[in-house]
Full PDB file with SEQRES, HELIX, SHEET, SSBOND, CRYST1, ORIGX, SCALE, CONECT and MASTER records, all heavy atoms in Angstrom:
SEQRES   1 A   42  VAL ALA THR ILE THR ASN GLY GLY SER THR THR TYR ALA          
SEQRES   2 A   42  ASP SER VAL LYS GLY ARG PHE THR ALA SER ARG ASP ASN          
SEQRES   3 A   42  ALA LYS ILE LEU VAL TYR LEU GLN MET ASN ASN LEU LYS          
SEQRES   4 A   42  PRO GLU ASP                                                  
SHEET    1 AA1 2 ALA A   2  ILE A   4  0                                        
SHEET    2 AA1 2 THR A  10  TYR A  12 -1                                        
SHEET    1 AA2 2 PHE A  20  ASP A  25  0                                        
SHEET    2 AA2 2 LEU A  30  MET A  35 -1                                        
CRYST1    1.000    1.000    1.000  90.00  90.00  90.00 P 1           1          
ORIGX1      1.000000  0.000000  0.000000        0.00000                         
ORIGX2      0.000000  1.000000  0.000000        0.00000                         
ORIGX3      0.000000  0.000000  1.000000        0.00000                         
SCALE1      1.000000  0.000000  0.000000        0.00000                         
SCALE2      0.000000  1.000000  0.000000        0.00000                         
SCALE3      0.000000  0.000000  1.000000        0.00000                         
ATOM      1  N   VAL A   1       7.619   2.176  -2.781  1.00  0.00           N  
ATOM      2  CA  VAL A   1       6.373   2.783  -3.234  1.00  0.00           C  
ATOM      3  C   VAL A   1       5.342   2.953  -2.126  1.00  0.00           C  
ATOM      4  O   VAL A   1       4.441   3.781  -2.249  1.00  0.00           O  
ATOM      5  CB  VAL A   1       5.748   2.002  -4.412  1.00  0.00           C  
ATOM      6  CG1 VAL A   1       6.692   2.008  -5.613  1.00  0.00           C  
ATOM      7  CG2 VAL A   1       5.398   0.576  -4.012  1.00  0.00           C  
ATOM      8  N   ALA A   2       5.440   2.187  -1.042  1.00  0.00           N  
ATOM      9  CA  ALA A   2       4.480   2.298   0.049  1.00  0.00           C  
ATOM     10  C   ALA A   2       5.083   1.744   1.322  1.00  0.00           C  
ATOM     11  O   ALA A   2       5.921   0.834   1.279  1.00  0.00           O  
ATOM     12  CB  ALA A   2       3.181   1.555  -0.271  1.00  0.00           C  
ATOM     13  N   THR A   3       4.666   2.286   2.467  1.00  0.00           N  
ATOM     14  CA  THR A   3       5.054   1.744   3.765  1.00  0.00           C  
ATOM     15  C   THR A   3       3.822   1.641   4.644  1.00  0.00           C  
ATOM     16  O   THR A   3       2.850   2.381   4.469  1.00  0.00           O  
ATOM     17  CB  THR A   3       6.104   2.606   4.487  1.00  0.00           C  
ATOM     18  OG1 THR A   3       5.511   3.823   4.950  1.00  0.00           O  
ATOM     19  CG2 THR A   3       7.280   2.927   3.572  1.00  0.00           C  
ATOM     20  N   ILE A   4       3.879   0.725   5.606  1.00  0.00           N  
ATOM     21  CA  ILE A   4       2.798   0.599   6.575  1.00  0.00           C  
ATOM     22  C   ILE A   4       3.396   0.186   7.903  1.00  0.00           C  
ATOM     23  O   ILE A   4       4.164  -0.770   7.989  1.00  0.00           O  
ATOM     24  CB  ILE A   4       1.706  -0.380   6.097  1.00  0.00           C  
ATOM     25  CG1 ILE A   4       0.569  -0.460   7.118  1.00  0.00           C  
ATOM     26  CG2 ILE A   4       2.276  -1.753   5.780  1.00  0.00           C  
ATOM     27  CD1 ILE A   4      -0.683  -1.127   6.566  1.00  0.00           C  
ATOM     28  N   THR A   5       3.064   0.920   8.965  1.00  0.00           N  
ATOM     29  CA  THR A   5       3.563   0.611  10.295  1.00  0.00           C  
ATOM     30  C   THR A   5       2.756  -0.509  10.922  1.00  0.00           C  
ATOM     31  O   THR A   5       1.720  -0.935  10.403  1.00  0.00           O  
ATOM     32  CB  THR A   5       3.499   1.844  11.204  1.00  0.00           C  
ATOM     33  OG1 THR A   5       2.126   2.161  11.472  1.00  0.00           O  
ATOM     34  CG2 THR A   5       4.180   3.046  10.570  1.00  0.00           C  
ATOM     35  N   ASN A   6       3.227  -0.976  12.077  1.00  0.00           N  
ATOM     36  CA  ASN A   6       2.494  -1.994  12.813  1.00  0.00           C  
ATOM     37  C   ASN A   6       1.073  -1.543  13.137  1.00  0.00           C  
ATOM     38  O   ASN A   6       0.145  -2.365  13.155  1.00  0.00           O  
ATOM     39  CB  ASN A   6       3.233  -2.346  14.102  1.00  0.00           C  
ATOM     40  CG  ASN A   6       2.505  -3.388  14.928  1.00  0.00           C  
ATOM     41  OD1 ASN A   6       2.327  -4.519  14.498  1.00  0.00           O  
ATOM     42  ND2 ASN A   6       2.078  -2.994  16.127  1.00  0.00           N  
ATOM     43  N   GLY A   7       0.909  -0.254  13.389  1.00  0.00           N  
ATOM     44  CA  GLY A   7      -0.399   0.275  13.715  1.00  0.00           C  
ATOM     45  C   GLY A   7      -1.245   0.647  12.516  1.00  0.00           C  
ATOM     46  O   GLY A   7      -2.376   1.116  12.693  1.00  0.00           O  
ATOM     47  N   GLY A   8      -0.723   0.477  11.307  1.00  0.00           N  
ATOM     48  CA  GLY A   8      -1.505   0.719  10.114  1.00  0.00           C  
ATOM     49  C   GLY A   8      -1.330   2.081   9.476  1.00  0.00           C  
ATOM     50  O   GLY A   8      -2.046   2.401   8.511  1.00  0.00           O  
ATOM     51  N   SER A   9      -0.406   2.894   9.969  1.00  0.00           N  
ATOM     52  CA  SER A   9      -0.135   4.185   9.352  1.00  0.00           C  
ATOM     53  C   SER A   9       0.647   3.979   8.054  1.00  0.00           C  
ATOM     54  O   SER A   9       1.598   3.194   8.025  1.00  0.00           O  
ATOM     55  CB  SER A   9       0.648   5.072  10.312  1.00  0.00           C  
ATOM     56  OG  SER A   9       0.936   6.324   9.737  1.00  0.00           O  
ATOM     57  N   THR A  10       0.258   4.673   6.989  1.00  0.00           N  
ATOM     58  CA  THR A  10       0.838   4.436   5.673  1.00  0.00           C  
ATOM     59  C   THR A  10       1.465   5.683   5.081  1.00  0.00           C  
ATOM     60  O   THR A  10       1.098   6.813   5.414  1.00  0.00           O  
ATOM     61  CB  THR A  10      -0.223   3.914   4.691  1.00  0.00           C  
ATOM     62  OG1 THR A  10      -1.301   4.857   4.623  1.00  0.00           O  
ATOM     63  CG2 THR A  10      -0.768   2.569   5.142  1.00  0.00           C  
ATOM     64  N   THR A  11       2.418   5.461   4.190  1.00  0.00           N  
ATOM     65  CA  THR A  11       2.975   6.496   3.340  1.00  0.00           C  
ATOM     66  C   THR A  11       3.077   5.934   1.929  1.00  0.00           C  
ATOM     67  O   THR A  11       3.149   4.719   1.736  1.00  0.00           O  
ATOM     68  CB  THR A  11       4.365   6.973   3.794  1.00  0.00           C  
ATOM     69  OG1 THR A  11       5.328   5.926   3.599  1.00  0.00           O  
ATOM     70  CG2 THR A  11       4.350   7.380   5.257  1.00  0.00           C  
ATOM     71  N   TYR A  12       3.094   6.845   0.937  1.00  0.00           N  
ATOM     72  CA  TYR A  12       3.136   6.424  -0.457  1.00  0.00           C  
ATOM     73  C   TYR A  12       4.047   7.335  -1.258  1.00  0.00           C  
ATOM     74  O   TYR A  12       4.161   8.531  -0.980  1.00  0.00           O  
ATOM     75  CB  TYR A  12       1.736   6.452  -1.079  1.00  0.00           C  
ATOM     76  CG  TYR A  12       0.745   5.576  -0.357  1.00  0.00           C  
ATOM     77  CD1 TYR A  12      -0.099   6.111   0.609  1.00  0.00           C  
ATOM     78  CD2 TYR A  12       0.660   4.222  -0.632  1.00  0.00           C  
ATOM     79  CE1 TYR A  12      -0.995   5.309   1.286  1.00  0.00           C  
ATOM     80  CE2 TYR A  12      -0.237   3.411   0.041  1.00  0.00           C  
ATOM     81  CZ  TYR A  12      -1.062   3.958   0.999  1.00  0.00           C  
ATOM     82  OH  TYR A  12      -1.954   3.161   1.673  1.00  0.00           O  
ATOM     83  N   ALA A  13       4.679   6.756  -2.253  1.00  0.00           N  
ATOM     84  CA  ALA A  13       5.417   7.555  -3.214  1.00  0.00           C  
ATOM     85  C   ALA A  13       4.441   8.405  -4.017  1.00  0.00           C  
ATOM     86  O   ALA A  13       3.286   8.020  -4.236  1.00  0.00           O  
ATOM     87  CB  ALA A  13       6.224   6.657  -4.148  1.00  0.00           C  
ATOM     88  N   ASP A  14       4.907   9.563  -4.461  1.00  0.00           N  
ATOM     89  CA  ASP A  14       4.036  10.457  -5.222  1.00  0.00           C  
ATOM     90  C   ASP A  14       3.447   9.775  -6.456  1.00  0.00           C  
ATOM     91  O   ASP A  14       2.313  10.058  -6.851  1.00  0.00           O  
ATOM     92  CB  ASP A  14       4.800  11.707  -5.647  1.00  0.00           C  
ATOM     93  CG  ASP A  14       5.084  12.642  -4.489  1.00  0.00           C  
ATOM     94  OD1 ASP A  14       4.428  12.525  -3.439  1.00  0.00           O  
ATOM     95  OD2 ASP A  14       5.974  13.505  -4.640  1.00  0.00           O  
ATOM     96  N   SER A  15       4.199   8.878  -7.053  1.00  0.00           N  
ATOM     97  CA  SER A  15       3.769   8.242  -8.281  1.00  0.00           C  
ATOM     98  C   SER A  15       2.560   7.322  -8.107  1.00  0.00           C  
ATOM     99  O   SER A  15       1.881   7.008  -9.091  1.00  0.00           O  
ATOM    100  CB  SER A  15       4.923   7.444  -8.898  1.00  0.00           C  
ATOM    101  OG  SER A  15       5.404   6.461  -7.995  1.00  0.00           O  
ATOM    102  N   VAL A  16       2.279   6.894  -6.873  1.00  0.00           N  
ATOM    103  CA  VAL A  16       1.180   5.959  -6.644  1.00  0.00           C  
ATOM    104  C   VAL A  16       0.109   6.509  -5.713  1.00  0.00           C  
ATOM    105  O   VAL A  16      -0.904   5.829  -5.482  1.00  0.00           O  
ATOM    106  CB  VAL A  16       1.690   4.606  -6.106  1.00  0.00           C  
ATOM    107  CG1 VAL A  16       2.774   4.038  -7.014  1.00  0.00           C  
ATOM    108  CG2 VAL A  16       2.200   4.735  -4.675  1.00  0.00           C  
ATOM    109  N   LYS A  17       0.284   7.704  -5.193  1.00  0.00           N  
ATOM    110  CA  LYS A  17      -0.705   8.284  -4.280  1.00  0.00           C  
ATOM    111  C   LYS A  17      -2.075   8.371  -4.942  1.00  0.00           C  
ATOM    112  O   LYS A  17      -2.203   8.786  -6.090  1.00  0.00           O  
ATOM    113  CB  LYS A  17      -0.264   9.674  -3.826  1.00  0.00           C  
ATOM    114  CG  LYS A  17       0.828   9.670  -2.778  1.00  0.00           C  
ATOM    115  CD  LYS A  17       1.203  11.086  -2.366  1.00  0.00           C  
ATOM    116  CE  LYS A  17       2.288  11.076  -1.316  1.00  0.00           C  
ATOM    117  NZ  LYS A  17       2.728  12.449  -0.960  1.00  0.00           N  
ATOM    118  N   GLY A  18      -3.082   7.976  -4.195  1.00  0.00           N  
ATOM    119  CA  GLY A  18      -4.442   7.993  -4.702  1.00  0.00           C  
ATOM    120  C   GLY A  18      -4.826   6.759  -5.484  1.00  0.00           C  
ATOM    121  O   GLY A  18      -6.006   6.584  -5.812  1.00  0.00           O  
ATOM    122  N   ARG A  19      -3.859   5.908  -5.793  1.00  0.00           N  
ATOM    123  CA  ARG A  19      -4.128   4.704  -6.574  1.00  0.00           C  
ATOM    124  C   ARG A  19      -3.829   3.418  -5.802  1.00  0.00           C  
ATOM    125  O   ARG A  19      -4.514   2.414  -5.988  1.00  0.00           O  
ATOM    126  CB  ARG A  19      -3.312   4.707  -7.867  1.00  0.00           C  
ATOM    127  CG  ARG A  19      -3.612   5.901  -8.763  1.00  0.00           C  
ATOM    128  CD  ARG A  19      -2.939   5.768 -10.128  1.00  0.00           C  
ATOM    129  NE  ARG A  19      -1.474   5.736 -10.013  1.00  0.00           N  
ATOM    130  CZ  ARG A  19      -0.719   4.700 -10.364  1.00  0.00           C  
ATOM    131  NH1 ARG A  19      -1.277   3.609 -10.880  1.00  0.00           N  
ATOM    132  NH2 ARG A  19       0.604   4.762 -10.227  1.00  0.00           N  
ATOM    133  N   PHE A  20      -2.801   3.436  -4.954  1.00  0.00           N  
ATOM    134  CA  PHE A  20      -2.393   2.254  -4.185  1.00  0.00           C  
ATOM    135  C   PHE A  20      -2.779   2.427  -2.726  1.00  0.00           C  
ATOM    136  O   PHE A  20      -2.697   3.533  -2.174  1.00  0.00           O  
ATOM    137  CB  PHE A  20      -0.880   2.043  -4.263  1.00  0.00           C  
ATOM    138  CG  PHE A  20      -0.352   1.609  -5.604  1.00  0.00           C  
ATOM    139  CD1 PHE A  20      -1.137   1.624  -6.740  1.00  0.00           C  
ATOM    140  CD2 PHE A  20       0.959   1.174  -5.714  1.00  0.00           C  
ATOM    141  CE1 PHE A  20      -0.638   1.226  -7.971  1.00  0.00           C  
ATOM    142  CE2 PHE A  20       1.478   0.769  -6.936  1.00  0.00           C  
ATOM    143  CZ  PHE A  20       0.675   0.797  -8.067  1.00  0.00           C  
ATOM    144  N   THR A  21      -3.160   1.326  -2.075  1.00  0.00           N  
ATOM    145  CA  THR A  21      -3.496   1.330  -0.658  1.00  0.00           C  
ATOM    146  C   THR A  21      -2.875   0.114   0.014  1.00  0.00           C  
ATOM    147  O   THR A  21      -3.135  -1.018  -0.386  1.00  0.00           O  
ATOM    148  CB  THR A  21      -5.015   1.310  -0.430  1.00  0.00           C  
ATOM    149  OG1 THR A  21      -5.622   2.430  -1.093  1.00  0.00           O  
ATOM    150  CG2 THR A  21      -5.327   1.393   1.062  1.00  0.00           C  
ATOM    151  N   ALA A  22      -2.058   0.350   1.042  1.00  0.00           N  
ATOM    152  CA  ALA A  22      -1.466  -0.735   1.810  1.00  0.00           C  
ATOM    153  C   ALA A  22      -2.318  -1.031   3.035  1.00  0.00           C  
ATOM    154  O   ALA A  22      -2.928  -0.129   3.622  1.00  0.00           O  
ATOM    155  CB  ALA A  22      -0.045  -0.373   2.231  1.00  0.00           C  
ATOM    156  N   SER A  23      -2.354  -2.295   3.431  1.00  0.00           N  
ATOM    157  CA  SER A  23      -3.045  -2.706   4.643  1.00  0.00           C  
ATOM    158  C   SER A  23      -2.345  -3.935   5.193  1.00  0.00           C  
ATOM    159  O   SER A  23      -1.476  -4.513   4.539  1.00  0.00           O  
ATOM    160  CB  SER A  23      -4.530  -2.982   4.380  1.00  0.00           C  
ATOM    161  OG  SER A  23      -4.687  -4.022   3.431  1.00  0.00           O  
ATOM    162  N   ARG A  24      -2.714  -4.344   6.406  1.00  0.00           N  
ATOM    163  CA  ARG A  24      -2.062  -5.515   6.983  1.00  0.00           C  
ATOM    164  C   ARG A  24      -2.959  -6.211   7.993  1.00  0.00           C  
ATOM    165  O   ARG A  24      -3.866  -5.605   8.577  1.00  0.00           O  
ATOM    166  CB  ARG A  24      -0.720  -5.131   7.625  1.00  0.00           C  
ATOM    167  CG  ARG A  24      -0.824  -4.241   8.851  1.00  0.00           C  
ATOM    168  CD  ARG A  24       0.555  -3.697   9.241  1.00  0.00           C  
ATOM    169  NE  ARG A  24       1.479  -4.768   9.594  1.00  0.00           N  
ATOM    170  CZ  ARG A  24       2.793  -4.610   9.743  1.00  0.00           C  
ATOM    171  NH1 ARG A  24       3.346  -3.411   9.558  1.00  0.00           N  
ATOM    172  NH2 ARG A  24       3.558  -5.648  10.077  1.00  0.00           N  
ATOM    173  N   ASP A  25      -2.676  -7.489   8.192  1.00  0.00           N  
ATOM    174  CA  ASP A  25      -3.330  -8.315   9.191  1.00  0.00           C  
ATOM    175  C   ASP A  25      -2.216  -8.911  10.031  1.00  0.00           C  
ATOM    176  O   ASP A  25      -1.605  -9.909   9.651  1.00  0.00           O  
ATOM    177  CB  ASP A  25      -4.173  -9.404   8.526  1.00  0.00           C  
ATOM    178  CG  ASP A  25      -4.921 -10.269   9.526  1.00  0.00           C  
ATOM    179  OD1 ASP A  25      -4.549 -10.306  10.708  1.00  0.00           O  
ATOM    180  OD2 ASP A  25      -5.901 -10.921   9.108  1.00  0.00           O  
ATOM    181  N   ASN A  26      -1.933  -8.296  11.166  1.00  0.00           N  
ATOM    182  CA  ASN A  26      -0.793  -8.718  11.970  1.00  0.00           C  
ATOM    183  C   ASN A  26      -0.959 -10.116  12.554  1.00  0.00           C  
ATOM    184  O   ASN A  26       0.021 -10.838  12.739  1.00  0.00           O  
ATOM    185  CB  ASN A  26      -0.547  -7.712  13.096  1.00  0.00           C  
ATOM    186  CG  ASN A  26       0.015  -6.408  12.589  1.00  0.00           C  
ATOM    187  OD1 ASN A  26       0.655  -6.351  11.544  1.00  0.00           O  
ATOM    188  ND2 ASN A  26      -0.212  -5.334  13.341  1.00  0.00           N  
ATOM    189  N   ALA A  27      -2.188 -10.514  12.873  1.00  0.00           N  
ATOM    190  CA  ALA A  27      -2.423 -11.842  13.424  1.00  0.00           C  
ATOM    191  C   ALA A  27      -2.029 -12.932  12.437  1.00  0.00           C  
ATOM    192  O   ALA A  27      -1.537 -13.990  12.836  1.00  0.00           O  
ATOM    193  CB  ALA A  27      -3.886 -11.992  13.831  1.00  0.00           C  
ATOM    194  N   LYS A  28      -2.251 -12.680  11.152  1.00  0.00           N  
ATOM    195  CA  LYS A  28      -1.906 -13.647  10.114  1.00  0.00           C  
ATOM    196  C   LYS A  28      -0.539 -13.382   9.496  1.00  0.00           C  
ATOM    197  O   LYS A  28      -0.107 -14.130   8.626  1.00  0.00           O  
ATOM    198  CB  LYS A  28      -2.971 -13.648   9.019  1.00  0.00           C  
ATOM    199  CG  LYS A  28      -4.345 -14.076   9.502  1.00  0.00           C  
ATOM    200  CD  LYS A  28      -5.349 -14.065   8.363  1.00  0.00           C  
ATOM    201  CE  LYS A  28      -6.721 -14.518   8.822  1.00  0.00           C  
ATOM    202  NZ  LYS A  28      -7.712 -14.496   7.716  1.00  0.00           N  
ATOM    203  N   ILE A  29       0.117 -12.323   9.929  1.00  0.00           N  
ATOM    204  CA  ILE A  29       1.402 -11.886   9.378  1.00  0.00           C  
ATOM    205  C   ILE A  29       1.275 -11.743   7.857  1.00  0.00           C  
ATOM    206  O   ILE A  29       2.055 -12.307   7.084  1.00  0.00           O  
ATOM    207  CB  ILE A  29       2.549 -12.832   9.771  1.00  0.00           C  
ATOM    208  CG1 ILE A  29       2.431 -13.254  11.241  1.00  0.00           C  
ATOM    209  CG2 ILE A  29       3.900 -12.134   9.557  1.00  0.00           C  
ATOM    210  CD1 ILE A  29       3.528 -14.176  11.717  1.00  0.00           C  
ATOM    211  N   LEU A  30       0.278 -10.993   7.438  1.00  0.00           N  
ATOM    212  CA  LEU A  30       0.030 -10.717   6.040  1.00  0.00           C  
ATOM    213  C   LEU A  30      -0.003  -9.209   5.807  1.00  0.00           C  
ATOM    214  O   LEU A  30      -0.530  -8.457   6.633  1.00  0.00           O  
ATOM    215  CB  LEU A  30      -1.300 -11.318   5.585  1.00  0.00           C  
ATOM    216  CG  LEU A  30      -1.394 -12.843   5.517  1.00  0.00           C  
ATOM    217  CD1 LEU A  30      -2.833 -13.256   5.235  1.00  0.00           C  
ATOM    218  CD2 LEU A  30      -0.468 -13.388   4.439  1.00  0.00           C  
ATOM    219  N   VAL A  31       0.553  -8.789   4.690  1.00  0.00           N  
ATOM    220  CA  VAL A  31       0.524  -7.400   4.271  1.00  0.00           C  
ATOM    221  C   VAL A  31      -0.010  -7.366   2.850  1.00  0.00           C  
ATOM    222  O   VAL A  31       0.320  -8.231   2.035  1.00  0.00           O  
ATOM    223  CB  VAL A  31       1.920  -6.756   4.349  1.00  0.00           C  
ATOM    224  CG1 VAL A  31       1.861  -5.289   3.947  1.00  0.00           C  
ATOM    225  CG2 VAL A  31       2.485  -6.884   5.755  1.00  0.00           C  
ATOM    226  N   TYR A  32      -0.826  -6.356   2.546  1.00  0.00           N  
ATOM    227  CA  TYR A  32      -1.475  -6.273   1.250  1.00  0.00           C  
ATOM    228  C   TYR A  32      -1.152  -4.955   0.563  1.00  0.00           C  
ATOM    229  O   TYR A  32      -0.831  -3.954   1.196  1.00  0.00           O  
ATOM    230  CB  TYR A  32      -3.001  -6.379   1.397  1.00  0.00           C  
ATOM    231  CG  TYR A  32      -3.467  -7.602   2.140  1.00  0.00           C  
ATOM    232  CD1 TYR A  32      -3.801  -7.530   3.488  1.00  0.00           C  
ATOM    233  CD2 TYR A  32      -3.573  -8.828   1.490  1.00  0.00           C  
ATOM    234  CE1 TYR A  32      -4.232  -8.647   4.174  1.00  0.00           C  
ATOM    235  CE2 TYR A  32      -4.003  -9.949   2.168  1.00  0.00           C  
ATOM    236  CZ  TYR A  32      -4.332  -9.856   3.505  1.00  0.00           C  
ATOM    237  OH  TYR A  32      -4.760 -10.974   4.188  1.00  0.00           O  
ATOM    238  N   LEU A  33      -1.267  -4.966  -0.748  1.00  0.00           N  
ATOM    239  CA  LEU A  33      -1.181  -3.746  -1.533  1.00  0.00           C  
ATOM    240  C   LEU A  33      -2.279  -3.788  -2.583  1.00  0.00           C  
ATOM    241  O   LEU A  33      -2.204  -4.566  -3.537  1.00  0.00           O  
ATOM    242  CB  LEU A  33       0.191  -3.590  -2.197  1.00  0.00           C  
ATOM    243  CG  LEU A  33       0.420  -2.271  -2.927  1.00  0.00           C  
ATOM    244  CD1 LEU A  33       0.470  -1.109  -1.928  1.00  0.00           C  
ATOM    245  CD2 LEU A  33       1.703  -2.309  -3.748  1.00  0.00           C  
ATOM    246  N   GLN A  34      -3.307  -2.969  -2.397  1.00  0.00           N  
ATOM    247  CA  GLN A  34      -4.373  -2.834  -3.381  1.00  0.00           C  
ATOM    248  C   GLN A  34      -3.952  -1.791  -4.396  1.00  0.00           C  
ATOM    249  O   GLN A  34      -3.656  -0.651  -4.029  1.00  0.00           O  
ATOM    250  CB  GLN A  34      -5.677  -2.414  -2.702  1.00  0.00           C  
ATOM    251  CG  GLN A  34      -6.839  -2.207  -3.658  1.00  0.00           C  
ATOM    252  CD  GLN A  34      -7.288  -3.484  -4.323  1.00  0.00           C  
ATOM    253  OE1 GLN A  34      -7.459  -4.501  -3.654  1.00  0.00           O  
ATOM    254  NE2 GLN A  34      -7.476  -3.449  -5.639  1.00  0.00           N  
ATOM    255  N   MET A  35      -3.920  -2.167  -5.651  1.00  0.00           N  
ATOM    256  CA  MET A  35      -3.461  -1.295  -6.719  1.00  0.00           C  
ATOM    257  C   MET A  35      -4.614  -1.067  -7.686  1.00  0.00           C  
ATOM    258  O   MET A  35      -5.100  -2.007  -8.318  1.00  0.00           O  
ATOM    259  CB  MET A  35      -2.260  -1.901  -7.448  1.00  0.00           C  
ATOM    260  CG  MET A  35      -1.113  -2.288  -6.520  1.00  0.00           C  
ATOM    261  SD  MET A  35       0.360  -2.857  -7.416  1.00  0.00           S  
ATOM    262  CE  MET A  35      -0.319  -4.312  -8.220  1.00  0.00           C  
ATOM    263  N   ASN A  36      -5.050   0.180  -7.794  1.00  0.00           N  
ATOM    264  CA  ASN A  36      -6.137   0.561  -8.686  1.00  0.00           C  
ATOM    265  C   ASN A  36      -5.633   1.510  -9.760  1.00  0.00           C  
ATOM    266  O   ASN A  36      -4.599   2.157  -9.597  1.00  0.00           O  
ATOM    267  CB  ASN A  36      -7.266   1.230  -7.899  1.00  0.00           C  
ATOM    268  CG  ASN A  36      -7.894   0.331  -6.869  1.00  0.00           C  
ATOM    269  OD1 ASN A  36      -8.027  -0.875  -7.068  1.00  0.00           O  
ATOM    270  ND2 ASN A  36      -8.306   0.909  -5.743  1.00  0.00           N  
ATOM    271  N   ASN A  37      -6.404   1.614 -10.835  1.00  0.00           N  
ATOM    272  CA  ASN A  37      -6.062   2.506 -11.940  1.00  0.00           C  
ATOM    273  C   ASN A  37      -4.608   2.324 -12.369  1.00  0.00           C  
ATOM    274  O   ASN A  37      -3.844   3.284 -12.481  1.00  0.00           O  
ATOM    275  CB  ASN A  37      -6.327   3.963 -11.553  1.00  0.00           C  
ATOM    276  CG  ASN A  37      -6.271   4.901 -12.732  1.00  0.00           C  
ATOM    277  OD1 ASN A  37      -6.480   4.502 -13.878  1.00  0.00           O  
ATOM    278  ND2 ASN A  37      -5.982   6.182 -12.467  1.00  0.00           N  
ATOM    279  N   LEU A  38      -4.250   1.088 -12.621  1.00  0.00           N  
ATOM    280  CA  LEU A  38      -2.869   0.776 -12.968  1.00  0.00           C  
ATOM    281  C   LEU A  38      -2.470   1.383 -14.302  1.00  0.00           C  
ATOM    282  O   LEU A  38      -3.277   1.492 -15.230  1.00  0.00           O  
ATOM    283  CB  LEU A  38      -2.670  -0.736 -12.992  1.00  0.00           C  
ATOM    284  CG  LEU A  38      -2.583  -1.370 -11.605  1.00  0.00           C  
ATOM    285  CD1 LEU A  38      -2.850  -2.867 -11.671  1.00  0.00           C  
ATOM    286  CD2 LEU A  38      -1.206  -1.101 -10.989  1.00  0.00           C  
ATOM    287  N   LYS A  39      -1.204   1.775 -14.375  1.00  0.00           N  
ATOM    288  CA  LYS A  39      -0.634   2.405 -15.554  1.00  0.00           C  
ATOM    289  C   LYS A  39       0.528   1.569 -16.071  1.00  0.00           C  
ATOM    290  O   LYS A  39       1.146   0.827 -15.303  1.00  0.00           O  
ATOM    291  CB  LYS A  39      -0.137   3.813 -15.214  1.00  0.00           C  
ATOM    292  CG  LYS A  39      -1.207   4.726 -14.644  1.00  0.00           C  
ATOM    293  CD  LYS A  39      -0.619   6.072 -14.252  1.00  0.00           C  
ATOM    294  CE  LYS A  39      -1.679   6.988 -13.687  1.00  0.00           C  
ATOM    295  NZ  LYS A  39      -1.121   8.308 -13.307  1.00  0.00           N  
ATOM    296  N   PRO A  40       0.863   1.693 -17.353  1.00  0.00           N  
ATOM    297  CA  PRO A  40       2.002   0.921 -17.877  1.00  0.00           C  
ATOM    298  C   PRO A  40       3.293   1.146 -17.092  1.00  0.00           C  
ATOM    299  O   PRO A  40       4.084   0.205 -16.950  1.00  0.00           O  
ATOM    300  CB  PRO A  40       2.124   1.423 -19.319  1.00  0.00           C  
ATOM    301  CG  PRO A  40       0.730   1.803 -19.686  1.00  0.00           C  
ATOM    302  CD  PRO A  40       0.138   2.393 -18.434  1.00  0.00           C  
ATOM    303  N   GLU A  41       3.508   2.345 -16.579  1.00  0.00           N  
ATOM    304  CA  GLU A  41       4.711   2.622 -15.816  1.00  0.00           C  
ATOM    305  C   GLU A  41       4.750   1.925 -14.460  1.00  0.00           C  
ATOM    306  O   GLU A  41       5.777   1.959 -13.776  1.00  0.00           O  
ATOM    307  CB  GLU A  41       4.914   4.133 -15.631  1.00  0.00           C  
ATOM    308  CG  GLU A  41       3.697   4.852 -15.086  1.00  0.00           C  
ATOM    309  CD  GLU A  41       2.857   5.500 -16.177  1.00  0.00           C  
ATOM    310  OE1 GLU A  41       2.624   4.855 -17.213  1.00  0.00           O  
ATOM    311  OE2 GLU A  41       2.435   6.666 -15.988  1.00  0.00           O  
ATOM    312  N   ASP A  42       3.648   1.290 -14.054  1.00  0.00           N  
ATOM    313  CA  ASP A  42       3.640   0.483 -12.840  1.00  0.00           C  
ATOM    314  C   ASP A  42       4.226  -0.902 -13.061  1.00  0.00           C  
ATOM    315  O   ASP A  42       4.406  -1.657 -12.096  1.00  0.00           O  
ATOM    316  CB  ASP A  42       2.216   0.336 -12.293  1.00  0.00           C  
ATOM    317  CG  ASP A  42       1.610   1.653 -11.844  1.00  0.00           C  
ATOM    318  OD1 ASP A  42       2.329   2.457 -11.221  1.00  0.00           O  
ATOM    319  OD2 ASP A  42       0.410   1.870 -12.109  1.00  0.00           O  
TER     320      ASP A  42                                                      
MASTER        0    0    0    0    4    0    0    6  319    1    0    4          
END                                                                             
């Protein structure tokens, strides 16, 4: 549903575009997915 490169470049599946946002903190080795306007199909 989403990808994020080491440099922070992202891609999203059509089904989640505009609603999900990926981010990361490489120093902490953490990756996040912010999900807004969630739907039952999620």
